[in-house]
């Protein structure tokens, strides 16, 4: 488990989404994208 605060999410969120999609983890990618939109 990894803890990510708001600042980290803004910096790393898009890359995390791309990596998740590349690994076939679509639900994880959508979760990151949803959190990015909530900010």
N, C-alpha and C. Protein backbone atom coordinates (compact mmCIF):
# COMPACT_ATOMS: atom_id res chain seq x y z
N UNK A 1 0.84 -1.17 0.00
CA UNK A 1 0.00 0.00 0.00
C UNK A 1 0.89 1.24 0.00
N UNK A 2 0.44 2.23 -0.73
CA UNK A 2 1.19 3.49 -0.84
C UNK A 2 0.26 4.63 -0.47
N UNK A 3 0.74 5.53 0.37
CA UNK A 3 -0.03 6.72 0.71
C UNK A 3 0.41 7.87 -0.19
N UNK A 4 -0.57 8.57 -0.74
CA UNK A 4 -0.30 9.69 -1.64
C UNK A 4 -1.13 10.88 -1.18
N UNK A 5 -0.46 11.99 -0.90
CA UNK A 5 -1.22 13.17 -0.52
C UNK A 5 -1.62 13.95 -1.77
N UNK A 6 -2.34 15.03 -1.58
CA UNK A 6 -2.89 15.80 -2.70
C UNK A 6 -1.79 16.32 -3.63
N UNK A 7 -0.71 16.82 -3.05
CA UNK A 7 0.39 17.34 -3.87
C UNK A 7 1.04 16.24 -4.70
N UNK A 8 1.24 15.07 -4.07
CA UNK A 8 1.82 13.94 -4.81
C UNK A 8 0.90 13.49 -5.93
N UNK A 9 -0.39 13.45 -5.67
CA UNK A 9 -1.35 13.04 -6.69
C UNK A 9 -1.30 13.97 -7.89
N UNK A 10 -1.23 15.26 -7.63
CA UNK A 10 -1.16 16.22 -8.74
C UNK A 10 0.10 16.02 -9.57
N UNK A 11 1.20 15.66 -8.90
CA UNK A 11 2.47 15.48 -9.60
C UNK A 11 2.56 14.14 -10.31
N UNK A 12 2.04 13.08 -9.70
CA UNK A 12 2.26 11.73 -10.21
C UNK A 12 1.02 11.06 -10.79
N UNK A 13 -0.13 11.66 -10.60
CA UNK A 13 -1.39 11.01 -10.96
C UNK A 13 -1.49 10.59 -12.41
N UNK A 14 -1.16 11.48 -13.32
CA UNK A 14 -1.29 11.16 -14.74
C UNK A 14 -0.37 10.01 -15.12
N UNK A 15 0.86 10.03 -14.64
CA UNK A 15 1.80 8.94 -14.92
C UNK A 15 1.30 7.63 -14.32
N UNK A 16 0.75 7.69 -13.12
CA UNK A 16 0.22 6.48 -12.49
C UNK A 16 -0.92 5.89 -13.30
N UNK A 17 -1.76 6.75 -13.85
CA UNK A 17 -2.87 6.29 -14.68
C UNK A 17 -2.36 5.62 -15.95
N UNK A 18 -1.38 6.21 -16.59
CA UNK A 18 -0.80 5.64 -17.82
C UNK A 18 -0.18 4.27 -17.53
N UNK A 19 0.57 4.18 -16.45
CA UNK A 19 1.20 2.90 -16.09
C UNK A 19 0.14 1.85 -15.78
N UNK A 20 -0.88 2.23 -15.02
CA UNK A 20 -1.94 1.29 -14.69
C UNK A 20 -2.62 0.76 -15.95
N UNK A 21 -2.91 1.64 -16.89
CA UNK A 21 -3.52 1.20 -18.15
C UNK A 21 -2.61 0.26 -18.91
N UNK A 22 -1.32 0.57 -18.95
CA UNK A 22 -0.36 -0.27 -19.67
C UNK A 22 -0.27 -1.66 -19.06
N UNK A 23 -0.52 -1.75 -17.76
CA UNK A 23 -0.47 -3.04 -17.07
C UNK A 23 -1.82 -3.73 -17.04
N UNK A 24 -2.82 -3.13 -17.71
CA UNK A 24 -4.15 -3.74 -17.75
C UNK A 24 -4.96 -3.52 -16.49
N UNK A 25 -4.58 -2.55 -15.69
CA UNK A 25 -5.27 -2.25 -14.43
C UNK A 25 -6.20 -1.06 -14.64
N UNK A 26 -7.20 -1.27 -15.48
CA UNK A 26 -8.09 -0.17 -15.88
C UNK A 26 -8.84 0.45 -14.71
N UNK A 27 -9.29 -0.36 -13.77
CA UNK A 27 -10.02 0.18 -12.62
C UNK A 27 -9.11 1.09 -11.78
N UNK A 28 -7.86 0.71 -11.64
CA UNK A 28 -6.91 1.55 -10.91
C UNK A 28 -6.69 2.87 -11.65
N UNK A 29 -6.58 2.80 -12.96
CA UNK A 29 -6.40 4.02 -13.76
C UNK A 29 -7.61 4.94 -13.59
N UNK A 30 -8.81 4.37 -13.66
CA UNK A 30 -10.02 5.19 -13.50
C UNK A 30 -10.09 5.81 -12.12
N UNK A 31 -9.66 5.08 -11.09
CA UNK A 31 -9.68 5.61 -9.73
C UNK A 31 -8.76 6.83 -9.61
N UNK A 32 -7.58 6.73 -10.19
CA UNK A 32 -6.64 7.87 -10.16
C UNK A 32 -7.24 9.04 -10.92
N UNK A 33 -7.79 8.78 -12.10
CA UNK A 33 -8.36 9.85 -12.91
C UNK A 33 -9.53 10.53 -12.19
N UNK A 34 -10.34 9.75 -11.49
CA UNK A 34 -11.46 10.32 -10.74
C UNK A 34 -10.94 11.23 -9.63
N UNK A 35 -9.90 10.80 -8.94
CA UNK A 35 -9.33 11.62 -7.87
C UNK A 35 -8.72 12.91 -8.44
N UNK A 36 -8.11 12.82 -9.62
CA UNK A 36 -7.56 14.03 -10.24
C UNK A 36 -8.66 15.02 -10.59
N UNK A 37 -9.79 14.53 -11.05
CA UNK A 37 -10.91 15.42 -11.40
C UNK A 37 -11.55 16.04 -10.16
N UNK A 38 -11.49 15.35 -9.04
CA UNK A 38 -12.12 15.84 -7.80
C UNK A 38 -11.40 17.05 -7.23
N UNK A 39 -10.14 17.22 -7.60
CA UNK A 39 -9.36 18.35 -7.08
C UNK A 39 -9.70 19.56 -7.82
